[in-house]
């Protein structure tokens, strides 16, 4: 796995979620980011990297402001 490409893909998914105006599209991009984070964490864990724990045990791949946007949109 090319970690630089994976990190970039994760960042792009989070940015796309942040720009999404449709709640479903936002959820889909956040799910993409979560899948990528899991792959990164698994790869790092296989290598014995200490950073793997941060990727593997994060409750959500989304920053709090993106999650808040999701819940706010659902309430409307």
PDB file of N, CA and C in Angstrom:
ATOM      1  N   UNK A   1       0.850  -1.181   0.000  1.00  0.00           N
ATOM      2  CA  UNK A   1       0.000   0.000   0.000  1.00  0.00           C
ATOM      3  C   UNK A   1       0.894   1.242   0.000  1.00  0.00           C
ATOM      4  N   UNK A   2       0.547   2.184  -0.835  1.00  0.00           N
ATOM      5  CA  UNK A   2       1.235   3.471  -0.839  1.00  0.00           C
ATOM      6  C   UNK A   2       0.504   4.360   0.170  1.00  0.00           C
ATOM      7  N   UNK A   3       1.129   4.539   1.336  1.00  0.00           N
ATOM      8  CA  UNK A   3       0.461   5.310   2.392  1.00  0.00           C
ATOM      9  C   UNK A   3       0.203   6.752   1.985  1.00  0.00           C
ATOM     10  N   UNK A   4       1.093   7.358   1.234  1.00  0.00           N
ATOM     11  CA  UNK A   4       0.851   8.736   0.809  1.00  0.00           C
ATOM     12  C   UNK A   4      -0.419   8.832  -0.028  1.00  0.00           C
ATOM     13  N   UNK A   5      -0.612   7.871  -0.923  1.00  0.00           N
ATOM     14  CA  UNK A   5      -1.837   7.875  -1.740  1.00  0.00           C
ATOM     15  C   UNK A   5      -3.064   7.618  -0.871  1.00  0.00           C
ATOM     16  N   UNK A   6      -2.934   6.722   0.095  1.00  0.00           N
ATOM     17  CA  UNK A   6      -4.064   6.429   0.979  1.00  0.00           C
ATOM     18  C   UNK A   6      -4.406   7.639   1.844  1.00  0.00           C
ATOM     19  N   UNK A   7      -3.391   8.298   2.399  1.00  0.00           N
ATOM     20  CA  UNK A   7      -3.639   9.502   3.195  1.00  0.00           C
ATOM     21  C   UNK A   7      -4.322  10.572   2.342  1.00  0.00           C
ATOM     22  N   UNK A   8      -3.854  10.726   1.098  1.00  0.00           N
ATOM     23  CA  UNK A   8      -4.445  11.727   0.206  1.00  0.00           C
ATOM     24  C   UNK A   8      -5.890  11.379  -0.129  1.00  0.00           C
ATOM     25  N   UNK A   9      -6.160  10.101  -0.371  1.00  0.00           N
ATOM     26  CA  UNK A   9      -7.533   9.680  -0.672  1.00  0.00           C
ATOM     27  C   UNK A   9      -8.441   9.928   0.532  1.00  0.00           C
ATOM     28  N   UNK A  10      -7.927   9.671   1.726  1.00  0.00           N
ATOM     29  CA  UNK A  10      -8.693   9.910   2.951  1.00  0.00           C
ATOM     30  C   UNK A  10      -9.012  11.400   3.079  1.00  0.00           C
ATOM     31  N   UNK A  11      -8.003  12.230   2.852  1.00  0.00           N
ATOM     32  CA  UNK A  11      -8.200  13.673   2.944  1.00  0.00           C
ATOM     33  C   UNK A  11      -9.206  14.164   1.908  1.00  0.00           C
ATOM     34  N   UNK A  12      -9.103  13.643   0.680  1.00  0.00           N
ATOM     35  CA  UNK A  12     -10.052  14.042  -0.371  1.00  0.00           C
ATOM     36  C   UNK A  12     -11.480  13.645   0.006  1.00  0.00           C
ATOM     37  N   UNK A  13     -11.644  12.456   0.582  1.00  0.00           N
ATOM     38  CA  UNK A  13     -12.988  12.019   0.993  1.00  0.00           C
ATOM     39  C   UNK A  13     -13.546  12.935   2.077  1.00  0.00           C
ATOM     40  N   UNK A  14     -12.701  13.322   3.029  1.00  0.00           N
ATOM     41  CA  UNK A  14     -13.166  14.235   4.085  1.00  0.00           C
ATOM     42  C   UNK A  14     -13.502  15.607   3.518  1.00  0.00           C
ATOM     43  N   UNK A  15     -12.687  16.092   2.593  1.00  0.00           N
ATOM     44  CA  UNK A  15     -12.978  17.393   1.984  1.00  0.00           C
ATOM     45  C   UNK A  15     -14.267  17.330   1.178  1.00  0.00           C
ATOM     46  N   UNK A  16     -14.479  16.226   0.451  1.00  0.00           N
ATOM     47  CA  UNK A  16     -15.711  16.076  -0.321  1.00  0.00           C
ATOM     48  C   UNK A  16     -16.921  16.023   0.613  1.00  0.00           C
ATOM     49  N   UNK A  17     -16.774  15.365   1.751  1.00  0.00           N
ATOM     50  CA  UNK A  17     -17.865  15.332   2.731  1.00  0.00           C
ATOM     51  C   UNK A  17     -18.151  16.727   3.253  1.00  0.00           C
ATOM     52  N   UNK A  18     -17.110  17.482   3.481  1.00  0.00           N
ATOM     53  CA  UNK A  18     -17.280  18.842   3.983  1.00  0.00           C
ATOM     54  C   UNK A  18     -17.944  19.765   2.990  1.00  0.00           C
ATOM     55  N   UNK A  19     -17.781  19.482   1.698  1.00  0.00           N
ATOM     56  CA  UNK A  19     -18.371  20.327   0.660  1.00  0.00           C
ATOM     57  C   UNK A  19     -19.749  19.846   0.224  1.00  0.00           C
ATOM     58  N   UNK A  20     -20.125  18.646   0.630  1.00  0.00           N
ATOM     59  CA  UNK A  20     -21.398  18.074   0.200  1.00  0.00           C
ATOM     60  C   UNK A  20     -22.567  18.876   0.769  1.00  0.00           C
ATOM     61  N   UNK A  21     -23.514  19.163  -0.079  1.00  0.00           N
ATOM     62  CA  UNK A  21     -24.709  19.875   0.369  1.00  0.00           C
ATOM     63  C   UNK A  21     -25.846  18.906   0.653  1.00  0.00           C
ATOM     64  N   UNK A  22     -25.756  17.720   0.107  1.00  0.00           N
ATOM     65  CA  UNK A  22     -26.767  16.683   0.295  1.00  0.00           C
ATOM     66  C   UNK A  22     -26.330  15.752   1.433  1.00  0.00           C
ATOM     67  N   UNK A  23     -27.181  15.545   2.434  1.00  0.00           N
ATOM     68  CA  UNK A  23     -26.806  14.691   3.571  1.00  0.00           C
ATOM     69  C   UNK A  23     -26.403  13.270   3.162  1.00  0.00           C
ATOM     70  N   UNK A  24     -27.065  12.706   2.161  1.00  0.00           N
ATOM     71  CA  UNK A  24     -26.717  11.351   1.714  1.00  0.00           C
ATOM     72  C   UNK A  24     -25.319  11.327   1.100  1.00  0.00           C
ATOM     73  N   UNK A  25     -25.006  12.314   0.286  1.00  0.00           N
ATOM     74  CA  UNK A  25     -23.672  12.389  -0.313  1.00  0.00           C
ATOM     75  C   UNK A  25     -22.614  12.556   0.783  1.00  0.00           C
ATOM     76  N   UNK A  26     -22.926  13.360   1.793  1.00  0.00           N
ATOM     77  CA  UNK A  26     -21.997  13.553   2.908  1.00  0.00           C
ATOM     78  C   UNK A  26     -21.755  12.224   3.631  1.00  0.00           C
ATOM     79  N   UNK A  27     -22.824  11.494   3.905  1.00  0.00           N
ATOM     80  CA  UNK A  27     -22.687  10.187   4.572  1.00  0.00           C
ATOM     81  C   UNK A  27     -21.839   9.229   3.739  1.00  0.00           C
ATOM     82  N   UNK A  28     -22.053   9.229   2.429  1.00  0.00           N
ATOM     83  CA  UNK A  28     -21.295   8.344   1.542  1.00  0.00           C
ATOM     84  C   UNK A  28     -19.811   8.694   1.555  1.00  0.00           C
ATOM     85  N   UNK A  29     -19.488   9.979   1.511  1.00  0.00           N
ATOM     86  CA  UNK A  29     -18.069  10.379   1.536  1.00  0.00           C
ATOM     87  C   UNK A  29     -17.437  10.067   2.887  1.00  0.00           C
ATOM     88  N   UNK A  30     -18.200  10.260   3.971  1.00  0.00           N
ATOM     89  CA  UNK A  30     -17.675   9.912   5.296  1.00  0.00           C
ATOM     90  C   UNK A  30     -17.456   8.406   5.412  1.00  0.00           C
ATOM     91  N   UNK A  31     -18.333   7.631   4.809  1.00  0.00           N
ATOM     92  CA  UNK A  31     -18.155   6.174   4.803  1.00  0.00           C
ATOM     93  C   UNK A  31     -16.909   5.799   3.998  1.00  0.00           C
ATOM     94  N   UNK A  32     -16.689   6.494   2.877  1.00  0.00           N
ATOM     95  CA  UNK A  32     -15.462   6.274   2.102  1.00  0.00           C
ATOM     96  C   UNK A  32     -14.233   6.543   2.966  1.00  0.00           C
ATOM     97  N   UNK A  33     -14.257   7.674   3.660  1.00  0.00           N
ATOM     98  CA  UNK A  33     -13.129   8.048   4.518  1.00  0.00           C
ATOM     99  C   UNK A  33     -12.917   7.012   5.620  1.00  0.00           C
ATOM    100  N   UNK A  34     -13.994   6.504   6.191  1.00  0.00           N
ATOM    101  CA  UNK A  34     -13.882   5.505   7.246  1.00  0.00           C
ATOM    102  C   UNK A  34     -13.270   4.207   6.712  1.00  0.00           C
ATOM    103  N   UNK A  35     -13.675   3.804   5.511  1.00  0.00           N
ATOM    104  CA  UNK A  35     -13.098   2.590   4.909  1.00  0.00           C
ATOM    105  C   UNK A  35     -11.609   2.773   4.655  1.00  0.00           C
ATOM    106  N   UNK A  36     -11.236   3.925   4.149  1.00  0.00           N
ATOM    107  CA  UNK A  36      -9.820   4.197   3.880  1.00  0.00           C
ATOM    108  C   UNK A  36      -9.034   4.198   5.189  1.00  0.00           C
ATOM    109  N   UNK A  37      -9.586   4.823   6.221  1.00  0.00           N
ATOM    110  CA  UNK A  37      -8.915   4.863   7.528  1.00  0.00           C
ATOM    111  C   UNK A  37      -8.707   3.452   8.077  1.00  0.00           C
ATOM    112  N   UNK A  38      -9.693   2.600   7.899  1.00  0.00           N
ATOM    113  CA  UNK A  38      -9.566   1.215   8.361  1.00  0.00           C
ATOM    114  C   UNK A  38      -8.450   0.494   7.611  1.00  0.00           C
ATOM    115  N   UNK A  39      -8.379   0.712   6.303  1.00  0.00           N
ATOM    116  CA  UNK A  39      -7.306   0.095   5.510  1.00  0.00           C
ATOM    117  C   UNK A  39      -5.936   0.600   5.951  1.00  0.00           C
ATOM    118  N   UNK A  40      -5.835   1.896   6.185  1.00  0.00           N
ATOM    119  CA  UNK A  40      -4.570   2.470   6.646  1.00  0.00           C
ATOM    120  C   UNK A  40      -4.186   1.859   7.994  1.00  0.00           C
ATOM    121  N   UNK A  41      -5.127   1.815   8.902  1.00  0.00           N
ATOM    122  CA  UNK A  41      -4.865   1.261  10.224  1.00  0.00           C
ATOM    123  C   UNK A  41      -4.447  -0.195  10.168  1.00  0.00           C
ATOM    124  N   UNK A  42      -5.118  -0.982   9.350  1.00  0.00           N
ATOM    125  CA  UNK A  42      -4.778  -2.404   9.213  1.00  0.00           C
ATOM    126  C   UNK A  42      -3.370  -2.575   8.652  1.00  0.00           C
ATOM    127  N   UNK A  43      -3.056  -1.785   7.636  1.00  0.00           N
ATOM    128  CA  UNK A  43      -1.722  -1.847   7.042  1.00  0.00           C
ATOM    129  C   UNK A  43      -0.656  -1.483   8.064  1.00  0.00           C
ATOM    130  N   UNK A  44      -0.887  -0.396   8.790  1.00  0.00           N
ATOM    131  CA  UNK A  44       0.080   0.027   9.796  1.00  0.00           C
ATOM    132  C   UNK A  44       0.197  -0.999  10.919  1.00  0.00           C
ATOM    133  N   UNK A  45      -0.923  -1.577  11.308  1.00  0.00           N
ATOM    134  CA  UNK A  45      -0.903  -2.575  12.374  1.00  0.00           C
ATOM    135  C   UNK A  45      -0.094  -3.796  11.939  1.00  0.00           C
ATOM    136  N   UNK A  46      -0.254  -4.203  10.688  1.00  0.00           N
ATOM    137  CA  UNK A  46       0.517  -5.326  10.168  1.00  0.00           C
ATOM    138  C   UNK A  46       2.017  -5.043  10.206  1.00  0.00           C
ATOM    139  N   UNK A  47       2.375  -3.779  10.076  1.00  0.00           N
ATOM    140  CA  UNK A  47       3.786  -3.387  10.143  1.00  0.00           C
ATOM    141  C   UNK A  47       4.261  -3.172  11.574  1.00  0.00           C
ATOM    142  N   UNK A  48       3.337  -3.193  12.520  1.00  0.00           N
ATOM    143  CA  UNK A  48       3.692  -2.954  13.920  1.00  0.00           C
ATOM    144  C   UNK A  48       3.866  -1.480  14.254  1.00  0.00           C
ATOM    145  N   UNK A  49       3.297  -0.614  13.433  1.00  0.00           N
ATOM    146  CA  UNK A  49       3.442   0.826  13.646  1.00  0.00           C
ATOM    147  C   UNK A  49       2.532   1.290  14.778  1.00  0.00           C
ATOM    148  N   UNK A  50       3.075   2.086  15.671  1.00  0.00           N
ATOM    149  CA  UNK A  50       2.296   2.608  16.797  1.00  0.00           C
ATOM    150  C   UNK A  50       1.141   3.488  16.313  1.00  0.00           C
ATOM    151  N   UNK A  51       1.300   4.159  15.193  1.00  0.00           N
ATOM    152  CA  UNK A  51       0.260   5.051  14.675  1.00  0.00           C
ATOM    153  C   UNK A  51      -0.998   4.289  14.274  1.00  0.00           C
ATOM    154  N   UNK A  52      -0.885   2.996  14.084  1.00  0.00           N
ATOM    155  CA  UNK A  52      -2.052   2.210  13.660  1.00  0.00           C
ATOM    156  C   UNK A  52      -3.203   2.345  14.647  1.00  0.00           C
ATOM    157  N   UNK A  53      -2.902   2.455  15.913  1.00  0.00           N
ATOM    158  CA  UNK A  53      -3.956   2.542  16.920  1.00  0.00           C
ATOM    159  C   UNK A  53      -4.832   3.766  16.715  1.00  0.00           C
ATOM    160  N   UNK A  54      -4.255   4.855  16.280  1.00  0.00           N
ATOM    161  CA  UNK A  54      -5.037   6.076  16.055  1.00  0.00           C
ATOM    162  C   UNK A  54      -6.023   5.882  14.906  1.00  0.00           C
ATOM    163  N   UNK A  55      -5.640   5.148  13.891  1.00  0.00           N
ATOM    164  CA  UNK A  55      -6.527   4.917  12.753  1.00  0.00           C
ATOM    165  C   UNK A  55      -7.558   3.848  13.064  1.00  0.00           C
ATOM    166  N   UNK A  56      -7.183   2.863  13.854  1.00  0.00           N
ATOM    167  CA  UNK A  56      -8.058   1.727  14.105  1.00  0.00           C
ATOM    168  C   UNK A  56      -9.127   2.006  15.165  1.00  0.00           C
ATOM    169  N   UNK A  57      -8.841   2.877  16.121  1.00  0.00           N
ATOM    170  CA  UNK A  57      -9.761   3.074  17.240  1.00  0.00           C
ATOM    171  C   UNK A  57     -10.438   4.429  17.245  1.00  0.00           C
ATOM    172  N   UNK A  58     -10.446   5.080  16.107  1.00  0.00           N
ATOM    173  CA  UNK A  58     -11.145   6.349  15.986  1.00  0.00           C
ATOM    174  C   UNK A  58     -12.622   6.048  15.775  1.00  0.00           C
ATOM    175  N   UNK A  59     -13.511   6.603  16.597  1.00  0.00           N
ATOM    176  CA  UNK A  59     -14.935   6.284  16.462  1.00  0.00           C
ATOM    177  C   UNK A  59     -15.513   6.720  15.119  1.00  0.00           C
ATOM    178  N   UNK A  60     -14.970   7.769  14.547  1.00  0.00           N
ATOM    179  CA  UNK A  60     -15.451   8.255  13.266  1.00  0.00           C
ATOM    180  C   UNK A  60     -14.291   8.884  12.534  1.00  0.00           C
ATOM    181  N   UNK A  61     -14.268   8.690  11.237  1.00  0.00           N
ATOM    182  CA  UNK A  61     -13.216   9.303  10.438  1.00  0.00           C
ATOM    183  C   UNK A  61     -13.494  10.779  10.201  1.00  0.00           C
ATOM    184  N   UNK A  62     -14.671  11.235  10.594  1.00  0.00           N
ATOM    185  CA  UNK A  62     -15.084  12.600  10.301  1.00  0.00           C
ATOM    186  C   UNK A  62     -14.747  13.548  11.437  1.00  0.00           C
ATOM    187  N   UNK A  63     -14.218  14.703  11.084  1.00  0.00           N
ATOM    188  CA  UNK A  63     -14.061  15.736  12.108  1.00  0.00           C
ATOM    189  C   UNK A  63     -15.421  16.102  12.695  1.00  0.00           C
ATOM    190  N   UNK A  64     -15.413  16.582  13.904  1.00  0.00           N
ATOM    191  CA  UNK A  64     -16.655  16.880  14.625  1.00  0.00           C
ATOM    192  C   UNK A  64     -17.569  17.829  13.850  1.00  0.00           C
ATOM    193  N   UNK A  65     -17.002  18.822  13.165  1.00  0.00           N
ATOM    194  CA  UNK A  65     -17.864  19.771  12.460  1.00  0.00           C
ATOM    195  C   UNK A  65     -18.596  19.107  11.293  1.00  0.00           C
ATOM    196  N   UNK A  66     -18.027  18.052  10.702  1.00  0.00           N
ATOM    197  CA  UNK A  66     -18.739  17.350   9.637  1.00  0.00           C
ATOM    198  C   UNK A  66     -19.870  16.513  10.219  1.00  0.00           C
ATOM    199  N   UNK A  67     -19.591  15.850  11.326  1.00  0.00           N
ATOM    200  CA  UNK A  67     -20.625  15.067  11.990  1.00  0.00           C
ATOM    201  C   UNK A  67     -21.757  15.977  12.451  1.00  0.00           C
ATOM    202  N   UNK A  68     -21.424  17.132  12.984  1.00  0.00           N
ATOM    203  CA  UNK A  68     -22.453  18.077  13.439  1.00  0.00           C
ATOM    204  C   UNK A  68     -23.316  18.514  12.271  1.00  0.00           C
ATOM    205  N   UNK A  69     -22.696  18.718  11.117  1.00  0.00           N
ATOM    206  CA  UNK A  69     -23.452  19.086   9.927  1.00  0.00           C
ATOM    207  C   UNK A  69     -24.420  18.003   9.514  1.00  0.00           C
ATOM    208  N   UNK A  70     -24.009  16.764   9.683  1.00  0.00           N
ATOM    209  CA  UNK A  70     -24.898  15.646   9.361  1.00  0.00           C
ATOM    210  C   UNK A  70     -26.123  15.634  10.256  1.00  0.00           C
ATOM    211  N   UNK A  71     -25.885  15.789  11.542  1.00  0.00           N
ATOM    212  CA  UNK A  71     -27.000  15.742  12.486  1.00  0.00           C
ATOM    213  C   UNK A  71     -27.898  16.969  12.343  1.00  0.00           C
ATOM    214  N   UNK A  72     -27.307  18.094  12.049  1.00  0.00           N
ATOM    215  CA  UNK A  72     -28.103  19.301  11.846  1.00  0.00           C
ATOM    216  C   UNK A  72     -28.974  19.198  10.610  1.00  0.00           C
ATOM    217  N   UNK A  73     -28.438  18.591   9.554  1.00  0.00           N
ATOM    218  CA  UNK A  73     -29.206  18.430   8.324  1.00  0.00           C
ATOM    219  C   UNK A  73     -30.349  17.447   8.527  1.00  0.00           C
ATOM    220  N   UNK A  74     -30.100  16.420   9.330  1.00  0.00           N
ATOM    221  CA  UNK A  74     -31.145  15.423   9.574  1.00  0.00           C
ATOM    222  C   UNK A  74     -32.298  16.017  10.386  1.00  0.00           C
ATOM    223  N   UNK A  75     -31.989  16.996  11.213  1.00  0.00           N
ATOM    224  CA  UNK A  75     -33.005  17.593  12.074  1.00  0.00           C
ATOM    225  C   UNK A  75     -33.901  18.562  11.316  1.00  0.00           C
ATOM    226  N   UNK A  76     -33.428  19.013  10.171  1.00  0.00           N
ATOM    227  CA  UNK A  76     -34.214  19.994   9.409  1.00  0.00           C
ATOM    228  C   UNK A  76     -35.422  19.408   8.760  1.00  0.00           C
TER     229      UNK A  76
END
